[in-house]
ModelCIF file with pLDDT and N, C-alpha, C, O atoms, coordinates in Angstrom:
data_MODEL
#
_entry.id   MODEL 
#
_entity.id                         1 
_entity.type                       polymer 
_entity.pdbx_number_of_molecules   1 
#
_entity_poly.entity_id                      1 
_entity_poly.type                           'polypeptide(L)' 
_entity_poly.nstd_linkage                   no 
_entity_poly.nstd_monomer                   no 
_entity_poly.pdbx_seq_one_letter_code       NFTQNVSKEKFTVDIKTVEYEHTIEVKNSDGEILINSQLFGNN 
_entity_poly.pdbx_seq_one_letter_code_can   NFTQNVSKEKFTVDIKTVEYEHTIEVKNSDGEILINSQLFGNN 
_entity_poly.pdbx_strand_id                 A 
#
loop_
_entity_poly_seq.entity_id 
_entity_poly_seq.num 
_entity_poly_seq.mon_id 
_entity_poly_seq.hetero 
1 1  ASN n 
1 2  PHE n 
1 3  THR n 
1 4  GLN n 
1 5  ASN n 
1 6  VAL n 
1 7  SER n 
1 8  LYS n 
1 9  GLU n 
1 10 LYS n 
1 11 PHE n 
1 12 THR n 
1 13 VAL n 
1 14 ASP n 
1 15 ILE n 
1 16 LYS n 
1 17 THR n 
1 18 VAL n 
1 19 GLU n 
1 20 TYR n 
1 21 GLU n 
1 22 HIS n 
1 23 THR n 
1 24 ILE n 
1 25 GLU n 
1 26 VAL n 
1 27 LYS n 
1 28 ASN n 
1 29 SER n 
1 30 ASP n 
1 31 GLY n 
1 32 GLU n 
1 33 ILE n 
1 34 LEU n 
1 35 ILE n 
1 36 ASN n 
1 37 SER n 
1 38 GLN n 
1 39 LEU n 
1 40 PHE n 
1 41 GLY n 
1 42 ASN n 
1 43 ASN n 
#
_struct_asym.id          A 
_struct_asym.entity_id   1 
#
loop_
_ma_qa_metric.id 
_ma_qa_metric.mode 
_ma_qa_metric.name 
_ma_qa_metric.software_group_id 
_ma_qa_metric.type 
1 global pLDDT . pLDDT 
2 local  pLDDT . pLDDT 
#
_ma_qa_metric_global.metric_id      1 
_ma_qa_metric_global.metric_value   92.28 
_ma_qa_metric_global.model_id       1 
_ma_qa_metric_global.ordinal_id     1 
#
loop_
_ma_qa_metric_local.label_asym_id 
_ma_qa_metric_local.label_comp_id 
_ma_qa_metric_local.label_seq_id 
_ma_qa_metric_local.metric_id 
_ma_qa_metric_local.metric_value 
_ma_qa_metric_local.model_id 
_ma_qa_metric_local.ordinal_id 
A ASN 1  2 96.00 1 1  
A PHE 2  2 96.00 1 2  
A THR 3  2 96.00 1 3  
A GLN 4  2 93.00 1 4  
A ASN 5  2 85.00 1 5  
A VAL 6  2 84.00 1 6  
A SER 7  2 87.00 1 7  
A LYS 8  2 91.00 1 8  
A GLU 9  2 95.00 1 9  
A LYS 10 2 96.00 1 10 
A PHE 11 2 97.00 1 11 
A THR 12 2 97.00 1 12 
A VAL 13 2 96.00 1 13 
A ASP 14 2 96.00 1 14 
A ILE 15 2 93.00 1 15 
A LYS 16 2 93.00 1 16 
A THR 17 2 90.00 1 17 
A VAL 18 2 90.00 1 18 
A GLU 19 2 86.00 1 19 
A TYR 20 2 86.00 1 20 
A GLU 21 2 91.00 1 21 
A HIS 22 2 92.00 1 22 
A THR 23 2 94.00 1 23 
A ILE 24 2 95.00 1 24 
A GLU 25 2 97.00 1 25 
A VAL 26 2 98.00 1 26 
A LYS 27 2 98.00 1 27 
A ASN 28 2 97.00 1 28 
A SER 29 2 96.00 1 29 
A ASP 30 2 96.00 1 30 
A GLY 31 2 96.00 1 31 
A GLU 32 2 97.00 1 32 
A ILE 33 2 97.00 1 33 
A LEU 34 2 98.00 1 34 
A ILE 35 2 97.00 1 35 
A ASN 36 2 96.00 1 36 
A SER 37 2 94.00 1 37 
A GLN 38 2 92.00 1 38 
A LEU 39 2 89.00 1 39 
A PHE 40 2 88.00 1 40 
A GLY 41 2 81.00 1 41 
A ASN 42 2 74.00 1 42 
A ASN 43 2 72.00 1 43 
#
loop_
_atom_site.group_PDB 
_atom_site.id 
_atom_site.type_symbol 
_atom_site.label_atom_id 
_atom_site.label_alt_id 
_atom_site.label_comp_id 
_atom_site.label_asym_id 
_atom_site.label_entity_id 
_atom_site.label_seq_id 
_atom_site.pdbx_PDB_ins_code 
_atom_site.Cartn_x 
_atom_site.Cartn_y 
_atom_site.Cartn_z 
_atom_site.occupancy 
_atom_site.B_iso_or_equiv 
_atom_site.pdbx_formal_charge 
_atom_site.auth_seq_id 
_atom_site.auth_comp_id 
_atom_site.auth_asym_id 
_atom_site.auth_atom_id 
_atom_site.pdbx_PDB_model_num 
ATOM 1   N N  . ASN A 1 1  ? 1.189  6.151   0.083  1.00 96.00 ? 1  ASN A N  1 
ATOM 2   C CA . ASN A 1 1  ? 2.158  7.228   0.241  1.00 96.00 ? 1  ASN A CA 1 
ATOM 3   C C  . ASN A 1 1  ? 1.763  8.033   1.476  1.00 96.00 ? 1  ASN A C  1 
ATOM 4   O O  . ASN A 1 1  ? 0.615  8.458   1.604  1.00 96.00 ? 1  ASN A O  1 
ATOM 5   N N  . PHE A 1 2  ? 2.717  8.240   2.383  1.00 96.00 ? 2  PHE A N  1 
ATOM 6   C CA . PHE A 1 2  ? 2.388  9.069   3.539  1.00 96.00 ? 2  PHE A CA 1 
ATOM 7   C C  . PHE A 1 2  ? 3.576  9.923   3.938  1.00 96.00 ? 2  PHE A C  1 
ATOM 8   O O  . PHE A 1 2  ? 4.729  9.592   3.663  1.00 96.00 ? 2  PHE A O  1 
ATOM 9   N N  . THR A 1 3  ? 3.266  11.027  4.591  1.00 96.00 ? 3  THR A N  1 
ATOM 10  C CA . THR A 1 3  ? 4.271  12.006  5.013  1.00 96.00 ? 3  THR A CA 1 
ATOM 11  C C  . THR A 1 3  ? 4.156  12.215  6.509  1.00 96.00 ? 3  THR A C  1 
ATOM 12  O O  . THR A 1 3  ? 3.056  12.391  7.033  1.00 96.00 ? 3  THR A O  1 
ATOM 13  N N  . GLN A 1 4  ? 5.290  12.196  7.202  1.00 93.00 ? 4  GLN A N  1 
ATOM 14  C CA . GLN A 1 4  ? 5.286  12.494  8.628  1.00 93.00 ? 4  GLN A CA 1 
ATOM 15  C C  . GLN A 1 4  ? 4.954  13.971  8.826  1.00 93.00 ? 4  GLN A C  1 
ATOM 16  O O  . GLN A 1 4  ? 5.605  14.845  8.252  1.00 93.00 ? 4  GLN A O  1 
ATOM 17  N N  . ASN A 1 5  ? 3.944  14.240  9.636  1.00 85.00 ? 5  ASN A N  1 
ATOM 18  C CA . ASN A 1 5  ? 3.496  15.619  9.837  1.00 85.00 ? 5  ASN A CA 1 
ATOM 19  C C  . ASN A 1 5  ? 4.577  16.503  10.436 1.00 85.00 ? 5  ASN A C  1 
ATOM 20  O O  . ASN A 1 5  ? 4.703  17.670  10.065 1.00 85.00 ? 5  ASN A O  1 
ATOM 21  N N  . VAL A 1 6  ? 5.353  15.958  11.353 1.00 84.00 ? 6  VAL A N  1 
ATOM 22  C CA . VAL A 1 6  ? 6.335  16.759  12.080 1.00 84.00 ? 6  VAL A CA 1 
ATOM 23  C C  . VAL A 1 6  ? 7.593  16.974  11.248 1.00 84.00 ? 6  VAL A C  1 
ATOM 24  O O  . VAL A 1 6  ? 8.023  18.109  11.044 1.00 84.00 ? 6  VAL A O  1 
ATOM 25  N N  . SER A 1 7  ? 8.187  15.867  10.762 1.00 87.00 ? 7  SER A N  1 
ATOM 26  C CA . SER A 1 7  ? 9.466  15.961  10.045 1.00 87.00 ? 7  SER A CA 1 
ATOM 27  C C  . SER A 1 7  ? 9.302  16.168  8.542  1.00 87.00 ? 7  SER A C  1 
ATOM 28  O O  . SER A 1 7  ? 10.254 16.546  7.860  1.00 87.00 ? 7  SER A O  1 
ATOM 29  N N  . LYS A 1 8  ? 8.092  15.920  8.021  1.00 91.00 ? 8  LYS A N  1 
ATOM 30  C CA . LYS A 1 8  ? 7.798  16.018  6.593  1.00 91.00 ? 8  LYS A CA 1 
ATOM 31  C C  . LYS A 1 8  ? 8.543  14.986  5.758  1.00 91.00 ? 8  LYS A C  1 
ATOM 32  O O  . LYS A 1 8  ? 8.637  15.124  4.538  1.00 91.00 ? 8  LYS A O  1 
ATOM 33  N N  . GLU A 1 9  ? 9.072  13.957  6.405  1.00 95.00 ? 9  GLU A N  1 
ATOM 34  C CA . GLU A 1 9  ? 9.710  12.870  5.665  1.00 95.00 ? 9  GLU A CA 1 
ATOM 35  C C  . GLU A 1 9  ? 8.630  12.044  4.957  1.00 95.00 ? 9  GLU A C  1 
ATOM 36  O O  . GLU A 1 9  ? 7.557  11.797  5.509  1.00 95.00 ? 9  GLU A O  1 
ATOM 37  N N  . LYS A 1 10 ? 8.935  11.624  3.728  1.00 96.00 ? 10 LYS A N  1 
ATOM 38  C CA . LYS A 1 10 ? 7.961  10.901  2.916  1.00 96.00 ? 10 LYS A CA 1 
ATOM 39  C C  . LYS A 1 10 ? 8.313  9.413   2.819  1.00 96.00 ? 10 LYS A C  1 
ATOM 40  O O  . LYS A 1 10 ? 9.484  9.037   2.765  1.00 96.00 ? 10 LYS A O  1 
ATOM 41  N N  . PHE A 1 11 ? 7.262  8.574   2.799  1.00 97.00 ? 11 PHE A N  1 
ATOM 42  C CA . PHE A 1 11 ? 7.451  7.131   2.724  1.00 97.00 ? 11 PHE A CA 1 
ATOM 43  C C  . PHE A 1 11 ? 6.431  6.524   1.769  1.00 97.00 ? 11 PHE A C  1 
ATOM 44  O O  . PHE A 1 11 ? 5.348  7.068   1.552  1.00 97.00 ? 11 PHE A O  1 
ATOM 45  N N  . THR A 1 12 ? 6.812  5.376   1.204  1.00 97.00 ? 12 THR A N  1 
ATOM 46  C CA . THR A 1 12 ? 5.936  4.634   0.299  1.00 97.00 ? 12 THR A CA 1 
ATOM 47  C C  . THR A 1 12 ? 5.852  3.189   0.761  1.00 97.00 ? 12 THR A C  1 
ATOM 48  O O  . THR A 1 12 ? 6.862  2.573   1.101  1.00 97.00 ? 12 THR A O  1 
ATOM 49  N N  . VAL A 1 13 ? 4.638  2.655   0.768  1.00 96.00 ? 13 VAL A N  1 
ATOM 50  C CA . VAL A 1 13 ? 4.421  1.242   1.062  1.00 96.00 ? 13 VAL A CA 1 
ATOM 51  C C  . VAL A 1 13 ? 3.863  0.592   -0.197 1.00 96.00 ? 13 VAL A C  1 
ATOM 52  O O  . VAL A 1 13 ? 2.794  0.973   -0.674 1.00 96.00 ? 13 VAL A O  1 
ATOM 53  N N  . ASP A 1 14 ? 4.583  -0.389  -0.735 1.00 96.00 ? 14 ASP A N  1 
ATOM 54  C CA . ASP A 1 14 ? 4.121  -1.131  -1.904 1.00 96.00 ? 14 ASP A CA 1 
ATOM 55  C C  . ASP A 1 14 ? 3.675  -2.523  -1.487 1.00 96.00 ? 14 ASP A C  1 
ATOM 56  O O  . ASP A 1 14 ? 4.407  -3.240  -0.804 1.00 96.00 ? 14 ASP A O  1 
ATOM 57  N N  . ILE A 1 15 ? 2.472  -2.901  -1.900 1.00 93.00 ? 15 ILE A N  1 
ATOM 58  C CA . ILE A 1 15 ? 1.920  -4.221  -1.619 1.00 93.00 ? 15 ILE A CA 1 
ATOM 59  C C  . ILE A 1 15 ? 1.689  -4.908  -2.962 1.00 93.00 ? 15 ILE A C  1 
ATOM 60  O O  . ILE A 1 15 ? 0.898  -4.437  -3.779 1.00 93.00 ? 15 ILE A O  1 
ATOM 61  N N  . LYS A 1 16 ? 2.384  -6.024  -3.187 1.00 93.00 ? 16 LYS A N  1 
ATOM 62  C CA . LYS A 1 16 ? 2.280  -6.740  -4.461 1.00 93.00 ? 16 LYS A CA 1 
ATOM 63  C C  . LYS A 1 16 ? 1.835  -8.174  -4.201 1.00 93.00 ? 16 LYS A C  1 
ATOM 64  O O  . LYS A 1 16 ? 2.359  -8.850  -3.316 1.00 93.00 ? 16 LYS A O  1 
ATOM 65  N N  . THR A 1 17 ? 0.860  -8.627  -4.986 1.00 90.00 ? 17 THR A N  1 
ATOM 66  C CA . THR A 1 17 ? 0.296  -9.953  -4.805 1.00 90.00 ? 17 THR A CA 1 
ATOM 67  C C  . THR A 1 17 ? 0.506  -10.799 -6.056 1.00 90.00 ? 17 THR A C  1 
ATOM 68  O O  . THR A 1 17 ? 0.139  -10.393 -7.159 1.00 90.00 ? 17 THR A O  1 
ATOM 69  N N  . VAL A 1 18 ? 1.106  -11.989 -5.874 1.00 90.00 ? 18 VAL A N  1 
ATOM 70  C CA . VAL A 1 18 ? 1.246  -12.980 -6.944 1.00 90.00 ? 18 VAL A CA 1 
ATOM 71  C C  . VAL A 1 18 ? 0.668  -14.287 -6.419 1.00 90.00 ? 18 VAL A C  1 
ATOM 72  O O  . VAL A 1 18 ? 1.262  -14.944 -5.563 1.00 90.00 ? 18 VAL A O  1 
ATOM 73  N N  . GLU A 1 19 ? -0.496 -14.654 -6.941 1.00 86.00 ? 19 GLU A N  1 
ATOM 74  C CA . GLU A 1 19 ? -1.251 -15.820 -6.465 1.00 86.00 ? 19 GLU A CA 1 
ATOM 75  C C  . GLU A 1 19 ? -1.474 -15.698 -4.956 1.00 86.00 ? 19 GLU A C  1 
ATOM 76  O O  . GLU A 1 19 ? -2.205 -14.807 -4.523 1.00 86.00 ? 19 GLU A O  1 
ATOM 77  N N  . TYR A 1 20 ? -0.862 -16.572 -4.139 1.00 86.00 ? 20 TYR A N  1 
ATOM 78  C CA . TYR A 1 20 ? -1.109 -16.541 -2.703 1.00 86.00 ? 20 TYR A CA 1 
ATOM 79  C C  . TYR A 1 20 ? 0.014  -15.871 -1.918 1.00 86.00 ? 20 TYR A C  1 
ATOM 80  O O  . TYR A 1 20 ? 0.007  -15.891 -0.688 1.00 86.00 ? 20 TYR A O  1 
ATOM 81  N N  . GLU A 1 21 ? 0.973  -15.280 -2.618 1.00 91.00 ? 21 GLU A N  1 
ATOM 82  C CA . GLU A 1 21 ? 2.101  -14.637 -1.946 1.00 91.00 ? 21 GLU A CA 1 
ATOM 83  C C  . GLU A 1 21 ? 1.981  -13.125 -2.051 1.00 91.00 ? 21 GLU A C  1 
ATOM 84  O O  . GLU A 1 21 ? 1.819  -12.576 -3.141 1.00 91.00 ? 21 GLU A O  1 
ATOM 85  N N  . HIS A 1 22 ? 2.061  -12.463 -0.908 1.00 92.00 ? 22 HIS A N  1 
ATOM 86  C CA . HIS A 1 22 ? 1.949  -11.008 -0.838 1.00 92.00 ? 22 HIS A CA 1 
ATOM 87  C C  . HIS A 1 22 ? 3.260  -10.436 -0.306 1.00 92.00 ? 22 HIS A C  1 
ATOM 88  O O  . HIS A 1 22 ? 3.747  -10.852 0.746  1.00 92.00 ? 22 HIS A O  1 
ATOM 89  N N  . THR A 1 23 ? 3.819  -9.490  -1.032 1.00 94.00 ? 23 THR A N  1 
ATOM 90  C CA . THR A 1 23 ? 5.065  -8.854  -0.623 1.00 94.00 ? 23 THR A CA 1 
ATOM 91  C C  . THR A 1 23 ? 4.784  -7.416  -0.224 1.00 94.00 ? 23 THR A C  1 
ATOM 92  O O  . THR A 1 23 ? 4.117  -6.677  -0.948 1.00 94.00 ? 23 THR A O  1 
ATOM 93  N N  . ILE A 1 24 ? 5.302  -7.025  0.940  1.00 95.00 ? 24 ILE A N  1 
ATOM 94  C CA . ILE A 1 24 ? 5.110  -5.667  1.458  1.00 95.00 ? 24 ILE A CA 1 
ATOM 95  C C  . ILE A 1 24 ? 6.476  -5.007  1.614  1.00 95.00 ? 24 ILE A C  1 
ATOM 96  O O  . ILE A 1 24 ? 7.343  -5.518  2.323  1.00 95.00 ? 24 ILE A O  1 
ATOM 97  N N  . GLU A 1 25 ? 6.662  -3.869  0.946  1.00 97.00 ? 25 GLU A N  1 
ATOM 98  C CA . GLU A 1 25 ? 7.917  -3.125  1.036  1.00 97.00 ? 25 GLU A CA 1 
ATOM 99  C C  . GLU A 1 25 ? 7.646  -1.698  1.475  1.00 97.00 ? 25 GLU A C  1 
ATOM 100 O O  . GLU A 1 25 ? 6.776  -1.019  0.928  1.00 97.00 ? 25 GLU A O  1 
ATOM 101 N N  . VAL A 1 26 ? 8.395  -1.256  2.459  1.00 98.00 ? 26 VAL A N  1 
ATOM 102 C CA . VAL A 1 26 ? 8.319  0.132   2.928  1.00 98.00 ? 26 VAL A CA 1 
ATOM 103 C C  . VAL A 1 26 ? 9.613  0.831   2.522  1.00 98.00 ? 26 VAL A C  1 
ATOM 104 O O  . VAL A 1 26 ? 10.705 0.365   2.845  1.00 98.00 ? 26 VAL A O  1 
ATOM 105 N N  . LYS A 1 27 ? 9.482  1.957   1.807  1.00 98.00 ? 27 LYS A N  1 
ATOM 106 C CA . LYS A 1 27 ? 10.651 2.666   1.296  1.00 98.00 ? 27 LYS A CA 1 
ATOM 107 C C  . LYS A 1 27 ? 10.642 4.123   1.757  1.00 98.00 ? 27 LYS A C  1 
ATOM 108 O O  . LYS A 1 27 ? 9.584  4.717   1.962  1.00 98.00 ? 27 LYS A O  1 
ATOM 109 N N  . ASN A 1 28 ? 11.835 4.682   1.914  1.00 97.00 ? 28 ASN A N  1 
ATOM 110 C CA . ASN A 1 28 ? 11.931 6.113   2.205  1.00 97.00 ? 28 ASN A CA 1 
ATOM 111 C C  . ASN A 1 28 ? 11.944 6.899   0.894  1.00 97.00 ? 28 ASN A C  1 
ATOM 112 O O  . ASN A 1 28 ? 11.798 6.315   -0.179 1.00 97.00 ? 28 ASN A O  1 
ATOM 113 N N  . SER A 1 29 ? 12.116 8.213   0.976  1.00 96.00 ? 29 SER A N  1 
ATOM 114 C CA . SER A 1 29 ? 12.048 9.060   -0.216 1.00 96.00 ? 29 SER A CA 1 
ATOM 115 C C  . SER A 1 29 ? 13.193 8.815   -1.186 1.00 96.00 ? 29 SER A C  1 
ATOM 116 O O  . SER A 1 29 ? 13.111 9.206   -2.350 1.00 96.00 ? 29 SER A O  1 
ATOM 117 N N  . ASP A 1 30 ? 14.265 8.169   -0.718 1.00 96.00 ? 30 ASP A N  1 
ATOM 118 C CA . ASP A 1 30 ? 15.395 7.825   -1.590 1.00 96.00 ? 30 ASP A CA 1 
ATOM 119 C C  . ASP A 1 30 ? 15.212 6.467   -2.259 1.00 96.00 ? 30 ASP A C  1 
ATOM 120 O O  . ASP A 1 30 ? 16.068 6.041   -3.034 1.00 96.00 ? 30 ASP A O  1 
ATOM 121 N N  . GLY A 1 31 ? 14.107 5.784   -1.969 1.00 96.00 ? 31 GLY A N  1 
ATOM 122 C CA . GLY A 1 31 ? 13.862 4.476   -2.546 1.00 96.00 ? 31 GLY A CA 1 
ATOM 123 C C  . GLY A 1 31 ? 14.511 3.338   -1.788 1.00 96.00 ? 31 GLY A C  1 
ATOM 124 O O  . GLY A 1 31 ? 14.457 2.190   -2.229 1.00 96.00 ? 31 GLY A O  1 
ATOM 125 N N  . GLU A 1 32 ? 15.130 3.640   -0.644 1.00 97.00 ? 32 GLU A N  1 
ATOM 126 C CA . GLU A 1 32 ? 15.763 2.612   0.171  1.00 97.00 ? 32 GLU A CA 1 
ATOM 127 C C  . GLU A 1 32 ? 14.689 1.779   0.868  1.00 97.00 ? 32 GLU A C  1 
ATOM 128 O O  . GLU A 1 32 ? 13.764 2.323   1.471  1.00 97.00 ? 32 GLU A O  1 
ATOM 129 N N  . ILE A 1 33 ? 14.821 0.447   0.781  1.00 97.00 ? 33 ILE A N  1 
ATOM 130 C CA . ILE A 1 33 ? 13.845 -0.443  1.414  1.00 97.00 ? 33 ILE A CA 1 
ATOM 131 C C  . ILE A 1 33 ? 14.133 -0.547  2.910  1.00 97.00 ? 33 ILE A C  1 
ATOM 132 O O  . ILE A 1 33 ? 15.196 -1.018  3.314  1.00 97.00 ? 33 ILE A O  1 
ATOM 133 N N  . LEU A 1 34 ? 13.186 -0.107  3.720  1.00 98.00 ? 34 LEU A N  1 
ATOM 134 C CA . LEU A 1 34 ? 13.330 -0.139  5.174  1.00 98.00 ? 34 LEU A CA 1 
ATOM 135 C C  . LEU A 1 34 ? 12.726 -1.399  5.775  1.00 98.00 ? 34 LEU A C  1 
ATOM 136 O O  . LEU A 1 34 ? 13.235 -1.932  6.761  1.00 98.00 ? 34 LEU A O  1 
ATOM 137 N N  . ILE A 1 35 ? 11.642 -1.872  5.179  1.00 97.00 ? 35 ILE A N  1 
ATOM 138 C CA . ILE A 1 35 ? 10.971 -3.084  5.653  1.00 97.00 ? 35 ILE A CA 1 
ATOM 139 C C  . ILE A 1 35 ? 10.606 -3.923  4.437  1.00 97.00 ? 35 ILE A C  1 
ATOM 140 O O  . ILE A 1 35 ? 10.061 -3.410  3.460  1.00 97.00 ? 35 ILE A O  1 
ATOM 141 N N  . ASN A 1 36 ? 10.910 -5.214  4.502  1.00 96.00 ? 36 ASN A N  1 
ATOM 142 C CA . ASN A 1 36 ? 10.507 -6.156  3.458  1.00 96.00 ? 36 ASN A CA 1 
ATOM 143 C C  . ASN A 1 36 ? 9.859  -7.350  4.137  1.00 96.00 ? 36 ASN A C  1 
ATOM 144 O O  . ASN A 1 36 ? 10.501 -8.056  4.914  1.00 96.00 ? 36 ASN A O  1 
ATOM 145 N N  . SER A 1 37 ? 8.602  -7.569  3.845  1.00 94.00 ? 37 SER A N  1 
ATOM 146 C CA . SER A 1 37 ? 7.856  -8.606  4.555  1.00 94.00 ? 37 SER A CA 1 
ATOM 147 C C  . SER A 1 37 ? 7.052  -9.440  3.562  1.00 94.00 ? 37 SER A C  1 
ATOM 148 O O  . SER A 1 37 ? 6.443  -8.901  2.637  1.00 94.00 ? 37 SER A O  1 
ATOM 149 N N  . GLN A 1 38 ? 7.054  -10.759 3.758  1.00 92.00 ? 38 GLN A N  1 
ATOM 150 C CA . GLN A 1 38 ? 6.268  -11.655 2.923  1.00 92.00 ? 38 GLN A CA 1 
ATOM 151 C C  . GLN A 1 38 ? 5.120  -12.247 3.734  1.00 92.00 ? 38 GLN A C  1 
ATOM 152 O O  . GLN A 1 38 ? 5.257  -12.553 4.918  1.00 92.00 ? 38 GLN A O  1 
ATOM 153 N N  . LEU A 1 39 ? 4.002  -12.395 3.064  1.00 89.00 ? 39 LEU A N  1 
ATOM 154 C CA . LEU A 1 39 ? 2.796  -12.904 3.707  1.00 89.00 ? 39 LEU A CA 1 
ATOM 155 C C  . LEU A 1 39 ? 2.136  -13.888 2.755  1.00 89.00 ? 39 LEU A C  1 
ATOM 156 O O  . LEU A 1 39 ? 1.994  -13.601 1.566  1.00 89.00 ? 39 LEU A O  1 
ATOM 157 N N  . PHE A 1 40 ? 1.733  -15.046 3.267  1.00 88.00 ? 40 PHE A N  1 
ATOM 158 C CA . PHE A 1 40 ? 1.052  -16.044 2.452  1.00 88.00 ? 40 PHE A CA 1 
ATOM 159 C C  . PHE A 1 40 ? -0.385 -16.173 2.935  1.00 88.00 ? 40 PHE A C  1 
ATOM 160 O O  . PHE A 1 40 ? -0.639 -16.345 4.127  1.00 88.00 ? 40 PHE A O  1 
ATOM 161 N N  . GLY A 1 41 ? -1.322 -16.089 1.995  1.00 81.00 ? 41 GLY A N  1 
ATOM 162 C CA . GLY A 1 41 ? -2.723 -16.182 2.358  1.00 81.00 ? 41 GLY A CA 1 
ATOM 163 C C  . GLY A 1 41 ? -3.598 -16.197 1.129  1.00 81.00 ? 41 GLY A C  1 
ATOM 164 O O  . GLY A 1 41 ? -3.159 -15.849 0.033  1.00 81.00 ? 41 GLY A O  1 
ATOM 165 N N  . ASN A 1 42 ? -4.847 -16.606 1.319  1.00 74.00 ? 42 ASN A N  1 
ATOM 166 C CA . ASN A 1 42 ? -5.763 -16.741 0.194  1.00 74.00 ? 42 ASN A CA 1 
ATOM 167 C C  . ASN A 1 42 ? -6.246 -15.410 -0.350 1.00 74.00 ? 42 ASN A C  1 
ATOM 168 O O  . ASN A 1 42 ? -6.511 -15.280 -1.545 1.00 74.00 ? 42 ASN A O  1 
ATOM 169 N N  . ASN A 1 43 ? -6.361 -14.432 0.517  1.00 72.00 ? 43 ASN A N  1 
ATOM 170 C CA . ASN A 1 43 ? -7.035 -13.197 0.121  1.00 72.00 ? 43 ASN A CA 1 
ATOM 171 C C  . ASN A 1 43 ? -6.125 -11.978 0.211  1.00 72.00 ? 43 ASN A C  1 
ATOM 172 O O  . ASN A 1 43 ? -6.553 -10.864 -0.091 1.00 72.00 ? 43 ASN A O  1 
#
């Protein structure tokens, strides 16, 4: 969870791992997904 110092807008980054697949979602304070990224890796 982070807040922009200047605008005070709040954001959340969720990182979820299922076996070797990692999903990264960046959301604004309204819960709207701004970035959705998938990553495959062992760790």
